[in-house]
Each structure stands twice: as C-alpha cells, then as structure tokens.
C-alpha atoms as a PDB file:
ATOM      1  CA  MET A   1     128.151  87.785 119.950  1.00  0.00           C
ATOM      2  CA  GLU A   2     130.539  86.397 117.331  1.00  0.00           C
ATOM      3  CA  ALA A   3     130.373  87.600 113.736  1.00  0.00           C
ATOM      4  CA  ASP A   4     129.115  84.292 112.359  1.00  0.00           C
ATOM      5  CA  ALA A   5     126.356  84.177 114.963  1.00  0.00           C
ATOM      6  CA  ILE A   6     125.294  87.711 114.064  1.00  0.00           C
ATOM      7  CA  GLU A   7     125.247  86.751 110.400  1.00  0.00           C
ATOM      8  CA  ARG A   8     123.093  83.700 111.120  1.00  0.00           C
ATOM      9  CA  GLN A   9     120.698  85.797 113.173  1.00  0.00           C
ATOM     10  CA  GLY A  10     120.401  88.330 110.367  1.00  0.00           C
ATOM     11  CA  GLY A  11     119.677  85.562 107.884  1.00  0.00           C
ATOM     12  CA  SER A  12     116.985  84.128 110.148  1.00  0.00           C
ATOM     13  CA  THR A  13     115.369  87.527 110.503  1.00  0.00           C
ATOM     14  CA  ARG A  14     115.276  88.028 106.737  1.00  0.00           C
ATOM     15  CA  ALA A  15     113.785  84.553 106.294  1.00  0.00           C
ATOM     16  CA  VAL A  16     111.014  85.325 108.774  1.00  0.00           C
ATOM     17  CA  GLU A  17     110.260  88.646 107.078  1.00  0.00           C
ATOM     18  CA  ARG A  18     110.135  87.009 103.654  1.00  0.00           C
ATOM     19  CA  ALA A  19     107.891  84.200 104.915  1.00  0.00           C
ATOM     20  CA  LEU A  20     105.477  86.693 106.446  1.00  0.00           C
ATOM     21  CA  HIS A  21     105.354  88.719 103.234  1.00  0.00           C
ATOM     22  CA  LEU A  22     104.673  85.571 101.235  1.00  0.00           C
ATOM     23  CA  LEU A  23     101.936  84.566 103.666  1.00  0.00           C
ATOM     24  CA  GLU A  24     100.319  87.978 103.354  1.00  0.00           C
ATOM     25  CA  SER A  25     100.465  87.748  99.565  1.00  0.00           C
ATOM     26  CA  VAL A  26      98.751  84.351  99.599  1.00  0.00           C
ATOM     27  CA  ALA A  27      96.050  85.644 101.940  1.00  0.00           C
ATOM     28  CA  ARG A  28      95.382  88.653  99.694  1.00  0.00           C
ATOM     29  CA  THR A  29      95.111  86.743  96.404  1.00  0.00           C
ATOM     30  CA  PRO A  30      91.570  85.581  95.595  1.00  0.00           C
ATOM     31  CA  GLY A  31      91.587  82.093  94.154  1.00  0.00           C
ATOM     32  CA  GLY A  32      95.144  81.394  95.239  1.00  0.00           C
ATOM     33  CA  ALA A  33      98.594  82.419  94.000  1.00  0.00           C
ATOM     34  CA  ARG A  34     101.176  80.734  91.803  1.00  0.00           C
ATOM     35  CA  LEU A  35     104.744  80.275  93.021  1.00  0.00           C
ATOM     36  CA  SER A  36     106.225  82.385  90.227  1.00  0.00           C
ATOM     37  CA  ASP A  37     103.833  85.253  90.935  1.00  0.00           C
ATOM     38  CA  LEU A  38     104.547  85.127  94.668  1.00  0.00           C
ATOM     39  CA  ALA A  39     108.301  85.152  94.109  1.00  0.00           C
ATOM     40  CA  ARG A  40     108.075  88.073  91.678  1.00  0.00           C
ATOM     41  CA  ALA A  41     105.699  90.118  93.851  1.00  0.00           C
ATOM     42  CA  ASN A  42     107.975  89.735  96.875  1.00  0.00           C
ATOM     43  CA  ASP A  43     111.263  90.109  94.974  1.00  0.00           C
ATOM     44  CA  VAL A  44     112.733  86.792  96.141  1.00  0.00           C
ATOM     45  CA  PRO A  45     114.243  83.924  94.128  1.00  0.00           C
ATOM     46  CA  THR A  46     111.753  81.229  93.204  1.00  0.00           C
ATOM     47  CA  SER A  47     113.801  78.623  95.063  1.00  0.00           C
ATOM     48  CA  THR A  48     113.718  80.736  98.238  1.00  0.00           C
ATOM     49  CA  ALA A  49     109.991  81.356  97.919  1.00  0.00           C
ATOM     50  CA  LEU A  50     109.345  77.627  97.488  1.00  0.00           C
ATOM     51  CA  ARG A  51     111.443  76.739 100.529  1.00  0.00           C
ATOM     52  CA  LEU A  52     109.623  79.243 102.723  1.00  0.00           C
ATOM     53  CA  LEU A  53     106.207  78.271 101.395  1.00  0.00           C
ATOM     54  CA  ARG A  54     106.941  74.612 102.117  1.00  0.00           C
ATOM     55  CA  THR A  55     107.703  75.575 105.716  1.00  0.00           C
ATOM     56  CA  LEU A  56     104.418  77.490 105.912  1.00  0.00           C
ATOM     57  CA  GLU A  57     102.660  74.514 104.336  1.00  0.00           C
ATOM     58  CA  THR A  58     104.071  72.166 106.974  1.00  0.00           C
ATOM     59  CA  ALA A  59     102.684  74.483 109.651  1.00  0.00           C
ATOM     60  CA  HIS A  60      99.300  74.559 107.818  1.00  0.00           C
ATOM     61  CA  TYR A  61      99.430  78.307 107.188  1.00  0.00           C
ATOM     62  CA  VAL A  62      99.234  77.714 103.440  1.00  0.00           C
ATOM     63  CA  ARG A  63      98.101  74.762 101.348  1.00  0.00           C
ATOM     64  CA  ARG A  64      98.839  73.741  97.782  1.00  0.00           C
ATOM     65  CA  ASP A  65      96.220  72.398  95.432  1.00  0.00           C
ATOM     66  CA  GLU A  66      96.859  69.784  92.748  1.00  0.00           C
ATOM     67  CA  GLY A  67      97.779  72.485  90.231  1.00  0.00           C
ATOM     68  CA  GLY A  68     100.467  73.912  92.505  1.00  0.00           C
ATOM     69  CA  THR A  69      98.543  77.054  93.479  1.00  0.00           C
ATOM     70  CA  PHE A  70      98.936  78.255  97.065  1.00  0.00           C
ATOM     71  CA  HIS A  71      95.901  79.091  99.217  1.00  0.00           C
ATOM     72  CA  ALA A  72      95.304  80.119 102.827  1.00  0.00           C
ATOM     73  CA  GLY A  73      95.688  77.065 105.055  1.00  0.00           C
ATOM     74  CA  SER A  74      93.789  75.975 108.120  1.00  0.00           C
ATOM     75  CA  GLY A  75      96.323  77.576 110.450  1.00  0.00           C
ATOM     76  CA  LEU A  76      95.848  80.982 108.866  1.00  0.00           C
ATOM     77  CA  LEU A  77      92.070  80.561 108.887  1.00  0.00           C
ATOM     78  CA  ALA A  78      92.186  79.667 112.580  1.00  0.00           C
ATOM     79  CA  LEU A  79      94.236  82.782 113.269  1.00  0.00           C
ATOM     80  CA  ALA A  80      91.707  84.924 111.391  1.00  0.00           C
ATOM     81  CA  ALA A  81      88.883  83.373 113.383  1.00  0.00           C
ATOM     82  CA  ALA A  82      90.707  84.125 116.630  1.00  0.00           C
ATOM     83  CA  LEU A  83      91.092  87.765 115.635  1.00  0.00           C
ATOM     84  CA  GLU A  84      87.326  87.983 115.209  1.00  0.00           C
ATOM     85  CA  GLU A  85      87.111  87.491 118.974  1.00  0.00           C
ATOM     86  CA  LEU A  86      89.104  90.643 119.743  1.00  0.00           C
ATOM     87  CA  PRO A  87      86.975  92.787 122.079  1.00  0.00           C
ATOM     88  CA  LEU A  88      87.545  95.896 119.962  1.00  0.00           C
ATOM     89  CA  ILE A  89      86.202  94.198 116.825  1.00  0.00           C
ATOM     90  CA  GLN A  90      83.263  92.673 118.660  1.00  0.00           C
ATOM     91  CA  LEU A  91      82.316  95.966 120.310  1.00  0.00           C
ATOM     92  CA  ALA A  92      82.664  97.898 117.051  1.00  0.00           C
ATOM     93  CA  GLY A  93      80.379  95.582 115.075  1.00  0.00           C
ATOM     94  CA  PRO A  94      77.029  97.119 116.098  1.00  0.00           C
ATOM     95  CA  HIS A  95      78.343 100.637 115.482  1.00  0.00           C
ATOM     96  CA  LEU A  96      79.596  99.767 112.010  1.00  0.00           C
ATOM     97  CA  ARG A  97      76.245  98.210 111.145  1.00  0.00           C
ATOM     98  CA  ALA A  98      74.399 101.221 112.546  1.00  0.00           C
ATOM     99  CA  LEU A  99      76.438 103.553 110.327  1.00  0.00           C
ATOM    100  CA  VAL A 100      75.699 101.515 107.202  1.00  0.00           C
ATOM    101  CA  GLU A 101      71.994 101.313 108.030  1.00  0.00           C
ATOM    102  CA  ALA A 102      71.785 105.057 108.653  1.00  0.00           C
ATOM    103  CA  LEU A 103      73.992 106.271 105.805  1.00  0.00           C
ATOM    104  CA  GLY A 104      74.069 103.533 103.174  1.00  0.00           C
ATOM    105  CA  GLU A 105      77.857 103.773 102.801  1.00  0.00           C
ATOM    106  CA  THR A 106      80.708 101.451 103.793  1.00  0.00           C
ATOM    107  CA  ALA A 107      81.806 101.747 107.424  1.00  0.00           C
ATOM    108  CA  SER A 108      85.198 100.637 108.727  1.00  0.00           C
ATOM    109  CA  LEU A 109      87.194 100.229 111.922  1.00  0.00           C
ATOM    110  CA  GLY A 110      90.932 100.890 111.840  1.00  0.00           C
ATOM    111  CA  VAL A 111      93.968 101.098 114.081  1.00  0.00           C
ATOM    112  CA  LEU A 112      97.410 102.619 113.670  1.00  0.00           C
ATOM    113  CA  ASP A 113     100.172 100.157 112.809  1.00  0.00           C
ATOM    114  CA  GLU A 114     103.821 100.282 113.831  1.00  0.00           C
ATOM    115  CA  ALA A 115     104.778 102.263 110.716  1.00  0.00           C
ATOM    116  CA  GLY A 116     102.168 104.952 111.304  1.00  0.00           C
ATOM    117  CA  ASP A 117      99.770 103.686 108.642  1.00  0.00           C
ATOM    118  CA  ALA A 118      96.097 102.868 109.094  1.00  0.00           C
ATOM    119  CA  LEU A 119      95.190  99.168 109.223  1.00  0.00           C
ATOM    120  CA  TYR A 120      91.612  98.151 108.474  1.00  0.00           C
ATOM    121  CA  LEU A 121      90.434  95.682 111.128  1.00  0.00           C
ATOM    122  CA  ALA A 122      86.749  95.351 110.302  1.00  0.00           C
ATOM    123  CA  GLN A 123      84.349  96.598 107.664  1.00  0.00           C
ATOM    124  CA  VAL A 124      80.661  96.489 106.803  1.00  0.00           C
ATOM    125  CA  GLN A 125      80.023  97.181 103.148  1.00  0.00           C
ATOM    126  CA  SER A 126      77.468  99.502 101.593  1.00  0.00           C
ATOM    127  CA  PRO A 127      74.409  97.851 100.026  1.00  0.00           C
ATOM    128  CA  HIS A 128      74.861  99.964  96.879  1.00  0.00           C
ATOM    129  CA  ALA A 129      76.133  98.335  93.694  1.00  0.00           C
ATOM    130  CA  VAL A 130      78.735 101.113  93.412  1.00  0.00           C
ATOM    131  CA  ARG A 131      80.558 101.006  96.711  1.00  0.00           C
ATOM    132  CA  TYR A 132      83.925 101.077  98.410  1.00  0.00           C
ATOM    133  CA  ALA A 133      85.425  97.580  98.084  1.00  0.00           C
ATOM    134  CA  SER A 134      86.422  95.584 101.133  1.00  0.00           C
ATOM    135  CA  TRP A 135      89.827  96.619 102.482  1.00  0.00           C
ATOM    136  CA  ARG A 136      89.809  94.542 105.631  1.00  0.00           C
ATOM    137  CA  GLY A 137      93.380  93.637 106.534  1.00  0.00           C
ATOM    138  CA  ARG A 138      94.844  96.255 104.225  1.00  0.00           C
ATOM    139  CA  ARG A 139      96.859  99.342 105.083  1.00  0.00           C
ATOM    140  CA  VAL A 140      96.557 102.905 103.802  1.00  0.00           C
ATOM    141  CA  PRO A 141      99.024 105.770 104.288  1.00  0.00           C
ATOM    142  CA  GLY A 142      98.523 107.321 107.691  1.00  0.00           C
ATOM    143  CA  ALA A 143      99.683 110.768 106.594  1.00  0.00           C
ATOM    144  CA  ILE A 144      97.065 111.297 103.873  1.00  0.00           C
ATOM    145  CA  SER A 145      94.056 109.061 104.576  1.00  0.00           C
ATOM    146  CA  ALA A 146      91.072 110.153 106.653  1.00  0.00           C
ATOM    147  CA  LEU A 147      91.370 107.028 108.788  1.00  0.00           C
ATOM    148  CA  GLY A 148      95.096 107.550 109.355  1.00  0.00           C
ATOM    149  CA  LEU A 149      94.741 111.212 110.261  1.00  0.00           C
ATOM    150  CA  ALA A 150      91.923 110.457 112.704  1.00  0.00           C
ATOM    151  CA  LEU A 151      94.081 107.785 114.331  1.00  0.00           C
ATOM    152  CA  GLN A 152      96.850 110.343 114.764  1.00  0.00           C
ATOM    153  CA  GLY A 153      94.567 112.688 116.648  1.00  0.00           C
ATOM    154  CA  ALA A 154      93.292 115.096 114.008  1.00  0.00           C
ATOM    155  CA  PRO A 155      90.106 116.752 115.323  1.00  0.00           C
ATOM    156  CA  PRO A 156      86.920 115.215 113.955  1.00  0.00           C
ATOM    157  CA  PRO A 157      85.509 115.053 111.492  1.00  0.00           C
ATOM    158  CA  VAL A 158      88.410 114.285 109.152  1.00  0.00           C
ATOM    159  CA  VAL A 159      87.286 114.551 105.533  1.00  0.00           C
ATOM    160  CA  ARG A 160      89.481 113.478 102.628  1.00  0.00           C
ATOM    161  CA  ARG A 161      88.578 113.422  98.957  1.00  0.00           C
ATOM    162  CA  ASP A 162      90.656 111.514  96.384  1.00  0.00           C
ATOM    163  CA  ALA A 163      93.363 110.856  99.003  1.00  0.00           C
ATOM    164  CA  VAL A 164      93.732 107.112  98.529  1.00  0.00           C
ATOM    165  CA  GLU A 165      91.650 106.474  95.404  1.00  0.00           C
ATOM    166  CA  PRO A 166      90.286 108.958  92.853  1.00  0.00           C
ATOM    167  CA  GLY A 167      86.571 109.601  93.074  1.00  0.00           C
ATOM    168  CA  VAL A 168      86.385 108.333  96.654  1.00  0.00           C
ATOM    169  CA  THR A 169      85.547 110.400  99.731  1.00  0.00           C
ATOM    170  CA  ALA A 170      86.268 109.240 103.275  1.00  0.00           C
ATOM    171  CA  VAL A 171      85.195 110.704 106.604  1.00  0.00           C
ATOM    172  CA  ALA A 172      86.681 109.489 109.890  1.00  0.00           C
ATOM    173  CA  ALA A 173      86.483 110.104 113.628  1.00  0.00           C
ATOM    174  CA  PRO A 174      88.804 108.889 116.406  1.00  0.00           C
ATOM    175  CA  VAL A 175      87.769 106.453 119.132  1.00  0.00           C
ATOM    176  CA  HIS A 176      89.258 107.053 122.568  1.00  0.00           C
ATOM    177  CA  GLY A 177      90.192 104.374 125.102  1.00  0.00           C
ATOM    178  CA  PRO A 178      90.063 104.310 128.905  1.00  0.00           C
ATOM    179  CA  SER A 179      93.163 106.513 129.224  1.00  0.00           C
ATOM    180  CA  GLY A 180      91.722 109.092 126.848  1.00  0.00           C
ATOM    181  CA  ALA A 181      94.219 108.236 124.100  1.00  0.00           C
ATOM    182  CA  VAL A 182      93.081 107.410 120.573  1.00  0.00           C
ATOM    183  CA  VAL A 183      92.938 103.612 120.244  1.00  0.00           C
ATOM    184  CA  ALA A 184      91.019 103.249 116.976  1.00  0.00           C
ATOM    185  CA  ALA A 185      88.982 105.188 114.442  1.00  0.00           C
ATOM    186  CA  LEU A 186      85.729 104.747 112.563  1.00  0.00           C
ATOM    187  CA  SER A 187      85.366 105.807 108.962  1.00  0.00           C
ATOM    188  CA  VAL A 188      82.650 106.024 106.326  1.00  0.00           C
ATOM    189  CA  THR A 189      83.735 105.785 102.704  1.00  0.00           C
ATOM    190  CA  GLY A 190      81.909 106.058  99.415  1.00  0.00           C
ATOM    191  CA  PRO A 191      81.939 107.503  95.916  1.00  0.00           C
ATOM    192  CA  SER A 192      82.276 111.269  95.858  1.00  0.00           C
ATOM    193  CA  PHE A 193      79.207 111.708  93.657  1.00  0.00           C
ATOM    194  CA  ARG A 194      77.077 110.461  96.588  1.00  0.00           C
ATOM    195  CA  LEU A 195      79.087 112.112  99.356  1.00  0.00           C
ATOM    196  CA  ASP A 196      78.534 115.766  98.542  1.00  0.00           C
ATOM    197  CA  ASP A 197      78.892 118.474 101.191  1.00  0.00           C
ATOM    198  CA  ALA A 198      75.408 117.895 102.634  1.00  0.00           C
ATOM    199  CA  ALA A 199      75.956 114.152 102.822  1.00  0.00           C
ATOM    200  CA  VAL A 200      79.354 114.645 104.457  1.00  0.00           C
ATOM    201  CA  ARG A 201      77.747 116.735 107.208  1.00  0.00           C
ATOM    202  CA  ALA A 202      75.282 113.922 107.943  1.00  0.00           C
ATOM    203  CA  VAL A 203      78.081 111.362 107.867  1.00  0.00           C
ATOM    204  CA  SER A 204      80.206 113.451 110.234  1.00  0.00           C
ATOM    205  CA  ALA A 205      77.440 113.746 112.813  1.00  0.00           C
ATOM    206  CA  ALA A 206      76.661 110.016 112.697  1.00  0.00           C
ATOM    207  CA  LEU A 207      80.332 109.073 112.880  1.00  0.00           C
ATOM    208  CA  GLN A 208      80.987 111.193 115.934  1.00  0.00           C
ATOM    209  CA  ARG A 209      77.954 109.732 117.707  1.00  0.00           C
ATOM    210  CA  GLU A 210      79.008 106.151 117.012  1.00  0.00           C
ATOM    211  CA  ALA A 211      82.666 106.850 117.825  1.00  0.00           C
ATOM    212  CA  ALA A 212      81.641 108.335 121.180  1.00  0.00           C
ATOM    213  CA  ALA A 213      79.364 105.344 121.877  1.00  0.00           C
ATOM    214  CA  LEU A 214      82.149 102.869 121.042  1.00  0.00           C
ATOM    215  CA  ALA A 215      84.572 104.825 123.230  1.00  0.00           C
ATOM    216  CA  ALA A 216      82.106 104.605 126.119  1.00  0.00           C
ATOM    217  CA  ALA A 217      81.803 100.841 125.577  1.00  0.00           C
ATOM    218  CA  LEU A 218      85.601 100.607 125.785  1.00  0.00           C
ATOM    219  CA  GLY A 219      85.565 102.493 129.091  1.00  0.00           C
ATOM    220  CA  ALA A 220      86.695 105.909 127.911  1.00  0.00           C
ATOM    221  CA  PRO A 221      85.824 108.980 129.999  1.00  0.00           C
ATOM    222  CA  VAL A 222      82.547 110.518 128.909  1.00  0.00           C
ATOM    223  CA  THR A 223      83.002 113.906 127.258  1.00  0.00           C
ATOM    224  CA  THR A 224      80.489 116.206 125.701  1.00  0.00           C
ATOM    225  CA  ARG A 225      81.401 117.486 122.246  1.00  0.00           C
ATOM    226  CA  PRO A 226      79.340 119.449 119.792  1.00  0.00           C
ATOM    227  CA  LEU A 227      78.317 117.403 116.740  1.00  0.00           C
END
C-alpha cells in the first residue's frame, strides 16, 4: 500500500473513532449536549466535531434542536431497542428483578469489553431513595471492580468496598456459558451502610443462586457449588 493511501486510511480510522466518541458523549448527556462541550470533552477542534456530528445527524444517529443542542437520534434509539432483544439481556431480566425483590438493592448484568473493563448491559434499580444510580452502558475498571473481577474468573462471591465509588459496596458472581467459560456476571450494589457483613452474606448467596440459574438458561453445564 502506498504511503498516501496509508495516510488516508489512518485519517479515516481517526475520524471514525472521534465520531463514535462524540456519539457516546451525546448518548450519555441528559438533556442533550452543546457543540462546544462535546468538542472540549473529546479533545477535538470545534470545526471537526461539527463536521462529524453533521454526518451522524444525516444518518439519524443524532439530532439537533432549534437551540443547537445535540440529542440521541432515531437511529441510535433504534439500535438501543435492538440491543434489548439480545438473548442474554432478555434471559437475565427475571434474575435481576428477583435479586432486587429479594434484597432491595440494585442488580446489574455486565460483560467484559475488549479492553478488559466491565460493561454494564442491563440494570434494575433499588426501590430505596438512596441507591446506586443507573450505570447501564457505562464501563468500570475490570481490575478493581467486583463486576470486572467476577468477569475475569475470580471465585464467587467477589466483594469490593469503595472500589469504584466511596461509600459503595458491590458483590458479584460470574455467569458461565455452554462451554463453561465466563460469559457475563451479575452484581448487587448499594450503599455500604446497608451492606454490612451480614447483608453481604445474604447477597452472596442470592447472587450465586441467580447466576447459576441464568447459566443454566444459557445452556451451561450444571454444577453443584456450595452457597
């Protein structure tokens, strides 16, 4: 490949990466995001951000209101709706709800991303006024979070206090797939003042039951483990 072709390919790759980062920023900003804020948050020139956002707007992944604020577009909303149909998310739903009903704390489903971090795919929030806020679609460090460590095969239950946020305790358990490998993890997260040692023991037992039940629904080999 000639040098100019390589250079063009590199520029195209950077443009795609920047566009995806801008799209993620728009999706994560409640009420929409201003062009200047998006450019600053993603460390790109305003002119470059505008050009990429116009391309995303043409494809209906973002939309601009009359004030110039960018919001999630119909294309992005359609993509989110399609992800709701993923078998893993659908199968995990009843188990997440069962955990919240039994424990009163936020329950989440996560998978390991390409960088080794934990990505929240689905979440059912605690009914308490003081609760772990929704992190669906967000990533947490795989090396320190309960969810990330469970996804990397740490034996259950994985308990982490103050690992991602101060005053927050998380407990996680891996979910195995048909081959026996870890394909996802379930976690329960809440304020540390509610999740004392006794509460963590109850959470651990419930998590391992629901993780085993979800694994069975996914076709994993049935194993007997002490709770």
